[in-house]
Amino acid sequence: MIATLSAYIEAGATSLANALLFILPFLPASLAEQPEQIMVVVGFAGQGLFAMRFILQWLTSEGQGRSVIPVAFWYFSIGGGSVLLLYAIWRQDPVIICGQGLGLFIYFRNLYFIHRTRGDEEAG
């Protein structure tokens, strides 16, 4: 199953590369022949989103003078975790797949608690 998902992701990366070459013809033609170039960029984008959650948390905490986890932290966690899960599936790496899959569950669960608590506060 993971191999099939990986093949679909690679086909998507190849399609993206072809679209980019059509829109930006100055890019190297090797993009279409080597979809791993696109996937490395995707992997770094996921890492960037994931890192933003810590930067956001740090800046918010500094501003308030105490440890604070803003709601956007969980959205960045979901964004970064999703992109990294996509990359891990493409790489067929079961360790990262398990780690990001569990992490996504936790991030969504925390957002559920946040929104449920806010709903209860507004109702009460």
PDB file of N, CA and C in Angstrom:
ATOM      1  N   MET A   1       0.818  -1.192   0.000  1.00  0.00           N
ATOM      2  CA  MET A   1       0.000   0.000   0.000  1.00  0.00           C
ATOM      3  C   MET A   1       0.869   1.266   0.000  1.00  0.00           C
ATOM      4  N   ILE A   2       1.907   1.264   0.832  1.00  0.00           N
ATOM      5  CA  ILE A   2       2.791   2.434   0.883  1.00  0.00           C
ATOM      6  C   ILE A   2       3.488   2.631  -0.457  1.00  0.00           C
ATOM      7  N   ALA A   3       3.883   1.535  -1.095  1.00  0.00           N
ATOM      8  CA  ALA A   3       4.545   1.640  -2.404  1.00  0.00           C
ATOM      9  C   ALA A   3       3.602   2.251  -3.438  1.00  0.00           C
ATOM     10  N   THR A   4       2.329   1.889  -3.375  1.00  0.00           N
ATOM     11  CA  THR A   4       1.345   2.451  -4.305  1.00  0.00           C
ATOM     12  C   THR A   4       1.163   3.942  -4.059  1.00  0.00           C
ATOM     13  N   LEU A   5       1.015   4.326  -2.779  1.00  0.00           N
ATOM     14  CA  LEU A   5       0.897   5.758  -2.456  1.00  0.00           C
ATOM     15  C   LEU A   5       2.146   6.516  -2.893  1.00  0.00           C
ATOM     16  N   SER A   6       3.310   5.925  -2.687  1.00  0.00           N
ATOM     17  CA  SER A   6       4.563   6.547  -3.097  1.00  0.00           C
ATOM     18  C   SER A   6       4.588   6.795  -4.609  1.00  0.00           C
ATOM     19  N   ALA A   7       4.115   5.808  -5.372  1.00  0.00           N
ATOM     20  CA  ALA A   7       4.071   5.959  -6.834  1.00  0.00           C
ATOM     21  C   ALA A   7       3.124   7.088  -7.244  1.00  0.00           C
ATOM     22  N   TYR A   8       1.983   7.199  -6.558  1.00  0.00           N
ATOM     23  CA  TYR A   8       1.045   8.292  -6.851  1.00  0.00           C
ATOM     24  C   TYR A   8       1.666   9.646  -6.522  1.00  0.00           C
ATOM     25  N   ILE A   9       2.361   9.707  -5.407  1.00  0.00           N
ATOM     26  CA  ILE A   9       3.006  10.964  -5.013  1.00  0.00           C
ATOM     27  C   ILE A   9       4.079  11.336  -6.032  1.00  0.00           C
ATOM     28  N   GLU A  10       4.846  10.353  -6.467  1.00  0.00           N
ATOM     29  CA  GLU A  10       5.889  10.629  -7.462  1.00  0.00           C
ATOM     30  C   GLU A  10       5.278  11.082  -8.788  1.00  0.00           C
ATOM     31  N   ALA A  11       4.160  10.478  -9.180  1.00  0.00           N
ATOM     32  CA  ALA A  11       3.468  10.903 -10.402  1.00  0.00           C
ATOM     33  C   ALA A  11       2.983  12.345 -10.253  1.00  0.00           C
ATOM     34  N   GLY A  12       2.490  12.682  -9.058  1.00  0.00           N
ATOM     35  CA  GLY A  12       2.069  14.062  -8.803  1.00  0.00           C
ATOM     36  C   GLY A  12       3.241  15.027  -8.870  1.00  0.00           C
ATOM     37  N   ALA A  13       4.393  14.606  -8.338  1.00  0.00           N
ATOM     38  CA  ALA A  13       5.591  15.455  -8.395  1.00  0.00           C
ATOM     39  C   ALA A  13       6.036  15.652  -9.837  1.00  0.00           C
ATOM     40  N   THR A  14       5.932  14.610 -10.645  1.00  0.00           N
ATOM     41  CA  THR A  14       6.295  14.725 -12.064  1.00  0.00           C
ATOM     42  C   THR A  14       5.343  15.674 -12.785  1.00  0.00           C
ATOM     43  N   SER A  15       4.052  15.565 -12.487  1.00  0.00           N
ATOM     44  CA  SER A  15       3.075  16.479 -13.095  1.00  0.00           C
ATOM     45  C   SER A  15       3.337  17.915 -12.672  1.00  0.00           C
ATOM     46  N   LEU A  16       3.648  18.106 -11.391  1.00  0.00           N
ATOM     47  CA  LEU A  16       3.978  19.442 -10.902  1.00  0.00           C
ATOM     48  C   LEU A  16       5.220  19.982 -11.597  1.00  0.00           C
ATOM     49  N   ALA A  17       6.223  19.124 -11.785  1.00  0.00           N
ATOM     50  CA  ALA A  17       7.445  19.542 -12.470  1.00  0.00           C
ATOM     51  C   ALA A  17       7.141  19.962 -13.905  1.00  0.00           C
ATOM     52  N   ASN A  18       6.317  19.189 -14.599  1.00  0.00           N
ATOM     53  CA  ASN A  18       5.955  19.540 -15.975  1.00  0.00           C
ATOM     54  C   ASN A  18       5.187  20.856 -16.029  1.00  0.00           C
ATOM     55  N   ALA A  19       4.293  21.072 -15.078  1.00  0.00           N
ATOM     56  CA  ALA A  19       3.546  22.331 -15.027  1.00  0.00           C
ATOM     57  C   ALA A  19       4.488  23.507 -14.760  1.00  0.00           C
ATOM     58  N   LEU A  20       5.424  23.313 -13.827  1.00  0.00           N
ATOM     59  CA  LEU A  20       6.385  24.378 -13.534  1.00  0.00           C
ATOM     60  C   LEU A  20       7.248  24.690 -14.745  1.00  0.00           C
ATOM     61  N   LEU A  21       7.659  23.651 -15.477  1.00  0.00           N
ATOM     62  CA  LEU A  21       8.471  23.872 -16.681  1.00  0.00           C
ATOM     63  C   LEU A  21       7.673  24.598 -17.764  1.00  0.00           C
ATOM     64  N   PHE A  22       6.383  24.342 -17.826  1.00  0.00           N
ATOM     65  CA  PHE A  22       5.537  25.039 -18.793  1.00  0.00           C
ATOM     66  C   PHE A  22       5.402  26.517 -18.423  1.00  0.00           C
ATOM     67  N   ILE A  23       5.184  26.769 -17.147  1.00  0.00           N
ATOM     68  CA  ILE A  23       4.989  28.142 -16.671  1.00  0.00           C
ATOM     69  C   ILE A  23       6.310  28.901 -16.604  1.00  0.00           C
ATOM     70  N   LEU A  24       7.360  28.217 -16.176  1.00  0.00           N
ATOM     71  CA  LEU A  24       8.679  28.833 -15.988  1.00  0.00           C
ATOM     72  C   LEU A  24       9.711  28.073 -16.827  1.00  0.00           C
ATOM     73  N   PRO A  25       9.748  28.338 -18.137  1.00  0.00           N
ATOM     74  CA  PRO A  25      10.594  27.537 -19.029  1.00  0.00           C
ATOM     75  C   PRO A  25      12.105  27.665 -18.759  1.00  0.00           C
ATOM     76  N   PHE A  26      12.507  28.619 -17.950  1.00  0.00           N
ATOM     77  CA  PHE A  26      13.933  28.786 -17.645  1.00  0.00           C
ATOM     78  C   PHE A  26      14.433  27.781 -16.605  1.00  0.00           C
ATOM     79  N   LEU A  27      13.504  27.044 -15.964  1.00  0.00           N
ATOM     80  CA  LEU A  27      13.914  26.030 -14.999  1.00  0.00           C
ATOM     81  C   LEU A  27      14.610  24.878 -15.724  1.00  0.00           C
ATOM     82  N   PRO A  28      15.481  24.161 -15.035  1.00  0.00           N
ATOM     83  CA  PRO A  28      16.190  23.052 -15.706  1.00  0.00           C
ATOM     84  C   PRO A  28      15.231  21.922 -16.101  1.00  0.00           C
ATOM     85  N   ALA A  29      15.423  21.381 -17.292  1.00  0.00           N
ATOM     86  CA  ALA A  29      14.566  20.314 -17.804  1.00  0.00           C
ATOM     87  C   ALA A  29      14.661  19.049 -16.957  1.00  0.00           C
ATOM     88  N   SER A  30      15.713  18.925 -16.195  1.00  0.00           N
ATOM     89  CA  SER A  30      15.895  17.731 -15.360  1.00  0.00           C
ATOM     90  C   SER A  30      14.795  17.586 -14.303  1.00  0.00           C
ATOM     91  N   LEU A  31      14.061  18.658 -14.026  1.00  0.00           N
ATOM     92  CA  LEU A  31      12.965  18.573 -13.058  1.00  0.00           C
ATOM     93  C   LEU A  31      11.953  17.504 -13.459  1.00  0.00           C
ATOM     94  N   ALA A  32      11.640  17.430 -14.737  1.00  0.00           N
ATOM     95  CA  ALA A  32      10.640  16.466 -15.207  1.00  0.00           C
ATOM     96  C   ALA A  32      11.183  15.045 -15.174  1.00  0.00           C
ATOM     97  N   GLU A  33      12.482  14.902 -15.304  1.00  0.00           N
ATOM     98  CA  GLU A  33      13.094  13.574 -15.345  1.00  0.00           C
ATOM     99  C   GLU A  33      13.461  13.064 -13.954  1.00  0.00           C
ATOM    100  N   GLN A  34      13.567  13.961 -13.000  1.00  0.00           N
ATOM    101  CA  GLN A  34      13.982  13.595 -11.648  1.00  0.00           C
ATOM    102  C   GLN A  34      13.009  14.197 -10.630  1.00  0.00           C
ATOM    103  N   PRO A  35      11.875  13.547 -10.408  1.00  0.00           N
ATOM    104  CA  PRO A  35      10.869  14.107  -9.491  1.00  0.00           C
ATOM    105  C   PRO A  35      11.380  14.237  -8.055  1.00  0.00           C
ATOM    106  N   GLU A  36      12.470  13.544  -7.735  1.00  0.00           N
ATOM    107  CA  GLU A  36      13.009  13.676  -6.378  1.00  0.00           C
ATOM    108  C   GLU A  36      13.459  15.108  -6.095  1.00  0.00           C
ATOM    109  N   GLN A  37      13.817  15.872  -7.140  1.00  0.00           N
ATOM    110  CA  GLN A  37      14.165  17.280  -6.928  1.00  0.00           C
ATOM    111  C   GLN A  37      12.971  18.048  -6.375  1.00  0.00           C
ATOM    112  N   ILE A  38      11.799  17.806  -6.930  1.00  0.00           N
ATOM    113  CA  ILE A  38      10.576  18.451  -6.440  1.00  0.00           C
ATOM    114  C   ILE A  38      10.291  17.968  -5.019  1.00  0.00           C
ATOM    115  N   MET A  39      10.452  16.680  -4.781  1.00  0.00           N
ATOM    116  CA  MET A  39      10.118  16.123  -3.469  1.00  0.00           C
ATOM    117  C   MET A  39      11.070  16.611  -2.379  1.00  0.00           C
ATOM    118  N   VAL A  40      12.302  16.893  -2.721  1.00  0.00           N
ATOM    119  CA  VAL A  40      13.213  17.462  -1.722  1.00  0.00           C
ATOM    120  C   VAL A  40      12.732  18.860  -1.338  1.00  0.00           C
ATOM    121  N   VAL A  41      12.263  19.623  -2.307  1.00  0.00           N
ATOM    122  CA  VAL A  41      11.705  20.949  -2.016  1.00  0.00           C
ATOM    123  C   VAL A  41      10.462  20.792  -1.140  1.00  0.00           C
ATOM    124  N   VAL A  42       9.613  19.803  -1.447  1.00  0.00           N
ATOM    125  CA  VAL A  42       8.422  19.543  -0.636  1.00  0.00           C
ATOM    126  C   VAL A  42       8.834  19.194   0.788  1.00  0.00           C
ATOM    127  N   GLY A  43       9.844  18.350   0.933  1.00  0.00           N
ATOM    128  CA  GLY A  43      10.328  17.979   2.258  1.00  0.00           C
ATOM    129  C   GLY A  43      10.818  19.181   3.049  1.00  0.00           C
ATOM    130  N   PHE A  44      11.582  20.049   2.401  1.00  0.00           N
ATOM    131  CA  PHE A  44      12.057  21.255   3.081  1.00  0.00           C
ATOM    132  C   PHE A  44      10.903  22.200   3.411  1.00  0.00           C
ATOM    133  N   ALA A  45       9.898  22.260   2.544  1.00  0.00           N
ATOM    134  CA  ALA A  45       8.722  23.102   2.837  1.00  0.00           C
ATOM    135  C   ALA A  45       8.011  22.584   4.083  1.00  0.00           C
ATOM    136  N   GLY A  46       7.881  21.279   4.196  1.00  0.00           N
ATOM    137  CA  GLY A  46       7.269  20.692   5.390  1.00  0.00           C
ATOM    138  C   GLY A  46       8.076  21.005   6.641  1.00  0.00           C
ATOM    139  N   GLN A  47       9.391  20.902   6.527  1.00  0.00           N
ATOM    140  CA  GLN A  47      10.246  21.230   7.668  1.00  0.00           C
ATOM    141  C   GLN A  47      10.110  22.711   8.032  1.00  0.00           C
ATOM    142  N   GLY A  48       9.981  23.562   7.016  1.00  0.00           N
ATOM    143  CA  GLY A  48       9.811  24.998   7.270  1.00  0.00           C
ATOM    144  C   GLY A  48       8.521  25.283   8.015  1.00  0.00           C
ATOM    145  N   LEU A  49       7.428  24.665   7.573  1.00  0.00           N
ATOM    146  CA  LEU A  49       6.145  24.834   8.277  1.00  0.00           C
ATOM    147  C   LEU A  49       6.246  24.316   9.707  1.00  0.00           C
ATOM    148  N   PHE A  50       6.887  23.185   9.860  1.00  0.00           N
ATOM    149  CA  PHE A  50       7.023  22.590  11.180  1.00  0.00           C
ATOM    150  C   PHE A  50       7.858  23.489  12.090  1.00  0.00           C
ATOM    151  N   ALA A  51       8.919  24.082  11.554  1.00  0.00           N
ATOM    152  CA  ALA A  51       9.772  24.971  12.345  1.00  0.00           C
ATOM    153  C   ALA A  51       9.034  26.252  12.728  1.00  0.00           C
ATOM    154  N   MET A  52       8.144  26.723  11.866  1.00  0.00           N
ATOM    155  CA  MET A  52       7.405  27.961  12.142  1.00  0.00           C
ATOM    156  C   MET A  52       6.582  27.859  13.417  1.00  0.00           C
ATOM    157  N   ARG A  53       6.117  26.671  13.738  1.00  0.00           N
ATOM    158  CA  ARG A  53       5.310  26.522  14.952  1.00  0.00           C
ATOM    159  C   ARG A  53       6.133  26.856  16.186  1.00  0.00           C
ATOM    160  N   PHE A  54       7.399  26.459  16.203  1.00  0.00           N
ATOM    161  CA  PHE A  54       8.247  26.754  17.352  1.00  0.00           C
ATOM    162  C   PHE A  54       8.642  28.227  17.397  1.00  0.00           C
ATOM    163  N   ILE A  55       8.886  28.804  16.233  1.00  0.00           N
ATOM    164  CA  ILE A  55       9.214  30.229  16.172  1.00  0.00           C
ATOM    165  C   ILE A  55       8.018  31.052  16.654  1.00  0.00           C
ATOM    166  N   LEU A  56       6.832  30.698  16.194  1.00  0.00           N
ATOM    167  CA  LEU A  56       5.610  31.384  16.619  1.00  0.00           C
ATOM    168  C   LEU A  56       5.403  31.244  18.128  1.00  0.00           C
ATOM    169  N   GLN A  57       5.596  30.046  18.646  1.00  0.00           N
ATOM    170  CA  GLN A  57       5.420  29.810  20.076  1.00  0.00           C
ATOM    171  C   GLN A  57       6.439  30.612  20.880  1.00  0.00           C
ATOM    172  N   TRP A  58       7.659  30.640  20.416  1.00  0.00           N
ATOM    173  CA  TRP A  58       8.718  31.380  21.110  1.00  0.00           C
ATOM    174  C   TRP A  58       8.404  32.878  21.132  1.00  0.00           C
ATOM    175  N   LEU A  59       8.042  33.440  19.963  1.00  0.00           N
ATOM    176  CA  LEU A  59       7.750  34.875  19.891  1.00  0.00           C
ATOM    177  C   LEU A  59       6.534  35.243  20.744  1.00  0.00           C
ATOM    178  N   THR A  60       5.503  34.406  20.732  1.00  0.00           N
ATOM    179  CA  THR A  60       4.322  34.669  21.548  1.00  0.00           C
ATOM    180  C   THR A  60       4.668  34.619  23.024  1.00  0.00           C
ATOM    181  N   SER A  61       5.448  33.632  23.414  1.00  0.00           N
ATOM    182  CA  SER A  61       5.857  33.519  24.823  1.00  0.00           C
ATOM    183  C   SER A  61       6.717  34.701  25.245  1.00  0.00           C
ATOM    184  N   GLU A  62       7.637  35.116  24.396  1.00  0.00           N
ATOM    185  CA  GLU A  62       8.473  36.277  24.705  1.00  0.00           C
ATOM    186  C   GLU A  62       7.609  37.514  24.895  1.00  0.00           C
ATOM    187  N   GLY A  63       6.620  37.679  24.029  1.00  0.00           N
ATOM    188  CA  GLY A  63       5.739  38.847  24.117  1.00  0.00           C
ATOM    189  C   GLY A  63       4.911  38.880  25.390  1.00  0.00           C
ATOM    190  N   GLN A  64       4.544  37.707  25.890  1.00  0.00           N
ATOM    191  CA  GLN A  64       3.709  37.650  27.094  1.00  0.00           C
ATOM    192  C   GLN A  64       4.518  37.380  28.360  1.00  0.00           C
ATOM    193  N   GLY A  65       5.801  37.111  28.208  1.00  0.00           N
ATOM    194  CA  GLY A  65       6.648  36.886  29.375  1.00  0.00           C
ATOM    195  C   GLY A  65       6.368  35.580  30.109  1.00  0.00           C
ATOM    196  N   ARG A  66       5.724  34.638  29.424  1.00  0.00           N
ATOM    197  CA  ARG A  66       5.446  33.324  30.011  1.00  0.00           C
ATOM    198  C   ARG A  66       5.263  32.335  28.863  1.00  0.00           C
ATOM    199  N   SER A  67       5.301  31.058  29.174  1.00  0.00           N
ATOM    200  CA  SER A  67       5.149  30.039  28.142  1.00  0.00           C
ATOM    201  C   SER A  67       3.698  29.991  27.658  1.00  0.00           C
ATOM    202  N   VAL A  68       3.507  30.193  26.370  1.00  0.00           N
ATOM    203  CA  VAL A  68       2.174  30.222  25.767  1.00  0.00           C
ATOM    204  C   VAL A  68       2.218  29.391  24.480  1.00  0.00           C
ATOM    205  N   ILE A  69       1.173  28.627  24.261  1.00  0.00           N
ATOM    206  CA  ILE A  69       1.052  27.905  22.986  1.00  0.00           C
ATOM    207  C   ILE A  69      -0.164  28.474  22.260  1.00  0.00           C
ATOM    208  N   PRO A  70       0.071  29.315  21.246  1.00  0.00           N
ATOM    209  CA  PRO A  70      -1.057  29.897  20.507  1.00  0.00           C
ATOM    210  C   PRO A  70      -1.730  28.840  19.622  1.00  0.00           C
ATOM    211  N   VAL A  71      -2.975  29.078  19.257  1.00  0.00           N
ATOM    212  CA  VAL A  71      -3.734  28.141  18.427  1.00  0.00           C
ATOM    213  C   VAL A  71      -3.029  27.920  17.090  1.00  0.00           C
ATOM    214  N   ALA A  72      -2.411  28.955  16.545  1.00  0.00           N
ATOM    215  CA  ALA A  72      -1.719  28.821  15.259  1.00  0.00           C
ATOM    216  C   ALA A  72      -0.605  27.772  15.327  1.00  0.00           C
ATOM    217  N   PHE A  73      -0.065  27.525  16.524  1.00  0.00           N
ATOM    218  CA  PHE A  73       0.946  26.486  16.714  1.00  0.00           C
ATOM    219  C   PHE A  73       0.419  25.150  16.206  1.00  0.00           C
ATOM    220  N   TRP A  74      -0.837  24.839  16.514  1.00  0.00           N
ATOM    221  CA  TRP A  74      -1.419  23.555  16.120  1.00  0.00           C
ATOM    222  C   TRP A  74      -1.693  23.520  14.622  1.00  0.00           C
ATOM    223  N   TYR A  75      -2.063  24.668  14.032  1.00  0.00           N
ATOM    224  CA  TYR A  75      -2.276  24.698  12.582  1.00  0.00           C
ATOM    225  C   TYR A  75      -0.960  24.511  11.828  1.00  0.00           C
ATOM    226  N   PHE A  76       0.112  25.164  12.293  1.00  0.00           N
ATOM    227  CA  PHE A  76       1.418  24.947  11.685  1.00  0.00           C
ATOM    228  C   PHE A  76       1.861  23.499  11.878  1.00  0.00           C
ATOM    229  N   SER A  77       1.541  22.914  13.032  1.00  0.00           N
ATOM    230  CA  SER A  77       1.875  21.513  13.287  1.00  0.00           C
ATOM    231  C   SER A  77       1.176  20.602  12.278  1.00  0.00           C
ATOM    232  N   ILE A  78      -0.099  20.869  12.023  1.00  0.00           N
ATOM    233  CA  ILE A  78      -0.856  20.065  11.063  1.00  0.00           C
ATOM    234  C   ILE A  78      -0.315  20.260   9.649  1.00  0.00           C
ATOM    235  N   GLY A  79      -0.036  21.505   9.282  1.00  0.00           N
ATOM    236  CA  GLY A  79       0.506  21.770   7.944  1.00  0.00           C
ATOM    237  C   GLY A  79       1.852  21.090   7.735  1.00  0.00           C
ATOM    238  N   GLY A  80       2.764  21.319   8.663  1.00  0.00           N
ATOM    239  CA  GLY A  80       4.087  20.719   8.548  1.00  0.00           C
ATOM    240  C   GLY A  80       4.037  19.212   8.644  1.00  0.00           C
ATOM    241  N   GLY A  81       3.247  18.693   9.584  1.00  0.00           N
ATOM    242  CA  GLY A  81       3.137  17.248   9.743  1.00  0.00           C
ATOM    243  C   GLY A  81       2.540  16.577   8.515  1.00  0.00           C
ATOM    244  N   SER A  82       1.562  17.216   7.890  1.00  0.00           N
ATOM    245  CA  SER A  82       0.937  16.651   6.688  1.00  0.00           C
ATOM    246  C   SER A  82       1.919  16.590   5.527  1.00  0.00           C
ATOM    247  N   VAL A  83       2.644  17.679   5.324  1.00  0.00           N
ATOM    248  CA  VAL A  83       3.623  17.707   4.227  1.00  0.00           C
ATOM    249  C   VAL A  83       4.751  16.718   4.499  1.00  0.00           C
ATOM    250  N   LEU A  84       5.202  16.638   5.741  1.00  0.00           N
ATOM    251  CA  LEU A  84       6.248  15.674   6.077  1.00  0.00           C
ATOM    252  C   LEU A  84       5.747  14.231   5.957  1.00  0.00           C
ATOM    253  N   LEU A  85       4.473  13.993   6.272  1.00  0.00           N
ATOM    254  CA  LEU A  85       3.911  12.662   6.085  1.00  0.00           C
ATOM    255  C   LEU A  85       3.882  12.312   4.601  1.00  0.00           C
ATOM    256  N   LEU A  86       3.504  13.242   3.760  1.00  0.00           N
ATOM    257  CA  LEU A  86       3.516  13.040   2.318  1.00  0.00           C
ATOM    258  C   LEU A  86       4.929  12.677   1.852  1.00  0.00           C
ATOM    259  N   TYR A  87       5.903  13.422   2.331  1.00  0.00           N
ATOM    260  CA  TYR A  87       7.302  13.161   1.975  1.00  0.00           C
ATOM    261  C   TYR A  87       7.734  11.789   2.479  1.00  0.00           C
ATOM    262  N   ALA A  88       7.351  11.435   3.703  1.00  0.00           N
ATOM    263  CA  ALA A  88       7.732  10.142   4.280  1.00  0.00           C
ATOM    264  C   ALA A  88       7.112   8.983   3.497  1.00  0.00           C
ATOM    265  N   ILE A  89       5.868   9.161   3.069  1.00  0.00           N
ATOM    266  CA  ILE A  89       5.228   8.115   2.264  1.00  0.00           C
ATOM    267  C   ILE A  89       5.969   7.962   0.947  1.00  0.00           C
ATOM    268  N   TRP A  90       6.320   9.085   0.331  1.00  0.00           N
ATOM    269  CA  TRP A  90       7.078   9.020  -0.916  1.00  0.00           C
ATOM    270  C   TRP A  90       8.396   8.289  -0.710  1.00  0.00           C
ATOM    271  N   ARG A  91       9.069   8.554   0.410  1.00  0.00           N
ATOM    272  CA  ARG A  91      10.340   7.893   0.728  1.00  0.00           C
ATOM    273  C   ARG A  91      10.129   6.457   1.215  1.00  0.00           C
ATOM    274  N   GLN A  92       8.881   6.110   1.521  1.00  0.00           N
ATOM    275  CA  GLN A  92       8.522   4.803   2.058  1.00  0.00           C
ATOM    276  C   GLN A  92       9.294   4.528   3.363  1.00  0.00           C
ATOM    277  N   ASP A  93       9.282   5.536   4.231  1.00  0.00           N
ATOM    278  CA  ASP A  93      10.006   5.463   5.499  1.00  0.00           C
ATOM    279  C   ASP A  93       9.013   5.214   6.630  1.00  0.00           C
ATOM    280  N   PRO A  94       8.910   3.968   7.106  1.00  0.00           N
ATOM    281  CA  PRO A  94       7.890   3.647   8.110  1.00  0.00           C
ATOM    282  C   PRO A  94       8.094   4.371   9.442  1.00  0.00           C
ATOM    283  N   VAL A  95       9.322   4.698   9.791  1.00  0.00           N
ATOM    284  CA  VAL A  95       9.576   5.387  11.059  1.00  0.00           C
ATOM    285  C   VAL A  95       8.969   6.790  11.029  1.00  0.00           C
ATOM    286  N   ILE A  96       9.233   7.533   9.977  1.00  0.00           N
ATOM    287  CA  ILE A  96       8.697   8.898   9.867  1.00  0.00           C
ATOM    288  C   ILE A  96       7.184   8.852   9.654  1.00  0.00           C
ATOM    289  N   ILE A  97       6.701   7.869   8.892  1.00  0.00           N
ATOM    290  CA  ILE A  97       5.262   7.734   8.674  1.00  0.00           C
ATOM    291  C   ILE A  97       4.544   7.545  10.007  1.00  0.00           C
ATOM    292  N   CYS A  98       5.053   6.653  10.841  1.00  0.00           N
ATOM    293  CA  CYS A  98       4.426   6.416  12.150  1.00  0.00           C
ATOM    294  C   CYS A  98       4.500   7.663  13.031  1.00  0.00           C
ATOM    295  N   GLY A  99       5.663   8.304  13.056  1.00  0.00           N
ATOM    296  CA  GLY A  99       5.830   9.494  13.895  1.00  0.00           C
ATOM    297  C   GLY A  99       4.926  10.633  13.478  1.00  0.00           C
ATOM    298  N   GLN A 100       4.874  10.927  12.184  1.00  0.00           N
ATOM    299  CA  GLN A 100       4.034  12.024  11.713  1.00  0.00           C
ATOM    300  C   GLN A 100       2.556  11.668  11.792  1.00  0.00           C
ATOM    301  N   GLY A 101       2.220  10.403  11.543  1.00  0.00           N
ATOM    302  CA  GLY A 101       0.819   9.987  11.646  1.00  0.00           C
ATOM    303  C   GLY A 101       0.292  10.161  13.060  1.00  0.00           C
ATOM    304  N   LEU A 102       1.050   9.727  14.043  1.00  0.00           N
ATOM    305  CA  LEU A 102       0.645   9.897  15.441  1.00  0.00           C
ATOM    306  C   LEU A 102       0.600  11.374  15.808  1.00  0.00           C
ATOM    307  N   GLY A 103       1.608  12.122  15.355  1.00  0.00           N
ATOM    308  CA  GLY A 103       1.635  13.556  15.639  1.00  0.00           C
ATOM    309  C   GLY A 103       0.400  14.259  15.100  1.00  0.00           C
ATOM    310  N   LEU A 104      -0.005  13.934  13.867  1.00  0.00           N
ATOM    311  CA  LEU A 104      -1.195  14.561  13.283  1.00  0.00           C
ATOM    312  C   LEU A 104      -2.433  14.288  14.117  1.00  0.00           C
ATOM    313  N   PHE A 105      -2.556  13.064  14.603  1.00  0.00           N
ATOM    314  CA  PHE A 105      -3.692  12.739  15.478  1.00  0.00           C
ATOM    315  C   PHE A 105      -3.690  13.656  16.699  1.00  0.00           C
ATOM    316  N   ILE A 106      -2.532  13.816  17.319  1.00  0.00           N
ATOM    317  CA  ILE A 106      -2.416  14.650  18.522  1.00  0.00           C
ATOM    318  C   ILE A 106      -2.732  16.116  18.211  1.00  0.00           C
ATOM    319  N   TYR A 107      -2.236  16.631  17.085  1.00  0.00           N
ATOM    320  CA  TYR A 107      -2.486  18.036  16.732  1.00  0.00           C
ATOM    321  C   TYR A 107      -3.972  18.288  16.498  1.00  0.00           C
ATOM    322  N   PHE A 108      -4.614  17.389  15.750  1.00  0.00           N
ATOM    323  CA  PHE A 108      -6.050  17.538  15.515  1.00  0.00           C
ATOM    324  C   PHE A 108      -6.833  17.416  16.822  1.00  0.00           C
ATOM    325  N   ARG A 109      -6.405  16.509  17.682  1.00  0.00           N
ATOM    326  CA  ARG A 109      -7.090  16.316  18.966  1.00  0.00           C
ATOM    327  C   ARG A 109      -6.983  17.581  19.822  1.00  0.00           C
ATOM    328  N   ASN A 110      -5.807  18.210  19.844  1.00  0.00           N
ATOM    329  CA  ASN A 110      -5.648  19.450  20.601  1.00  0.00           C
ATOM    330  C   ASN A 110      -6.540  20.557  20.052  1.00  0.00           C
ATOM    331  N   LEU A 111      -6.640  20.668  18.737  1.00  0.00           N
ATOM    332  CA  LEU A 111      -7.545  21.668  18.157  1.00  0.00           C
ATOM    333  C   LEU A 111      -8.993  21.360  18.529  1.00  0.00           C
ATOM    334  N   TYR A 112      -9.352  20.099  18.542  1.00  0.00           N
ATOM    335  CA  TYR A 112     -10.698  19.718  18.958  1.00  0.00           C
ATOM    336  C   TYR A 112     -10.962  20.206  20.382  1.00  0.00           C
ATOM    337  N   PHE A 113     -10.028  19.964  21.301  1.00  0.00           N
ATOM    338  CA  PHE A 113     -10.200  20.407  22.691  1.00  0.00           C
ATOM    339  C   PHE A 113     -10.305  21.931  22.769  1.00  0.00           C
ATOM    340  N   ILE A 114      -9.475  22.632  22.016  1.00  0.00           N
ATOM    341  CA  ILE A 114      -9.492  24.097  22.033  1.00  0.00           C
ATOM    342  C   ILE A 114     -10.844  24.618  21.567  1.00  0.00           C
ATOM    343  N   HIS A 115     -11.322  24.104  20.438  1.00  0.00           N
ATOM    344  CA  HIS A 115     -12.593  24.596  19.892  1.00  0.00           C
ATOM    345  C   HIS A 115     -13.777  24.160  20.747  1.00  0.00           C
ATOM    346  N   ARG A 116     -13.705  22.976  21.336  1.00  0.00           N
ATOM    347  CA  ARG A 116     -14.779  22.532  22.233  1.00  0.00           C
ATOM    348  C   ARG A 116     -14.839  23.411  23.465  1.00  0.00           C
ATOM    349  N   THR A 117     -13.688  23.741  24.039  1.00  0.00           N
ATOM    350  CA  THR A 117     -13.629  24.600  25.221  1.00  0.00           C
ATOM    351  C   THR A 117     -14.169  25.986  24.906  1.00  0.00           C
ATOM    352  N   ARG A 118     -13.786  26.509  23.748  1.00  0.00           N
ATOM    353  CA  ARG A 118     -14.296  27.840  23.359  1.00  0.00           C
ATOM    354  C   ARG A 118     -15.793  27.816  23.162  1.00  0.00           C
ATOM    355  N   GLY A 119     -16.304  26.739  22.585  1.00  0.00           N
ATOM    356  CA  GLY A 119     -17.755  26.607  22.389  1.00  0.00           C
ATOM    357  C   GLY A 119     -18.484  26.539  23.716  1.00  0.00           C
ATOM    358  N   ASP A 120     -17.894  25.797  24.678  1.00  0.00           N
ATOM    359  CA  ASP A 120     -18.505  25.707  26.012  1.00  0.00           C
ATOM    360  C   ASP A 120     -18.493  27.058  26.713  1.00  0.00           C
ATOM    361  N   GLU A 121     -17.399  27.822  26.546  1.00  0.00           N
ATOM    362  CA  GLU A 121     -17.290  29.139  27.196  1.00  0.00           C
ATOM    363  C   GLU A 121     -18.301  30.113  26.601  1.00  0.00           C
ATOM    364  N   GLU A 122     -18.496  30.043  25.287  1.00  0.00           N
ATOM    365  CA  GLU A 122     -19.464  30.937  24.649  1.00  0.00           C
ATOM    366  C   GLU A 122     -20.890  30.578  25.023  1.00  0.00           C
ATOM    367  N   ALA A 123     -21.151  29.285  25.204  1.00  0.00           N
ATOM    368  CA  ALA A 123     -22.505  28.841  25.571  1.00  0.00           C
ATOM    369  C   ALA A 123     -22.812  29.125  27.043  1.00  0.00           C
ATOM    370  N   GLY A 124     -21.756  29.133  27.873  1.00  0.00           N
ATOM    371  CA  GLY A 124     -21.984  29.285  29.313  1.00  0.00           C
ATOM    372  C   GLY A 124     -21.928  30.665  29.794  1.00  0.00           C
TER     373      GLY A 124
END
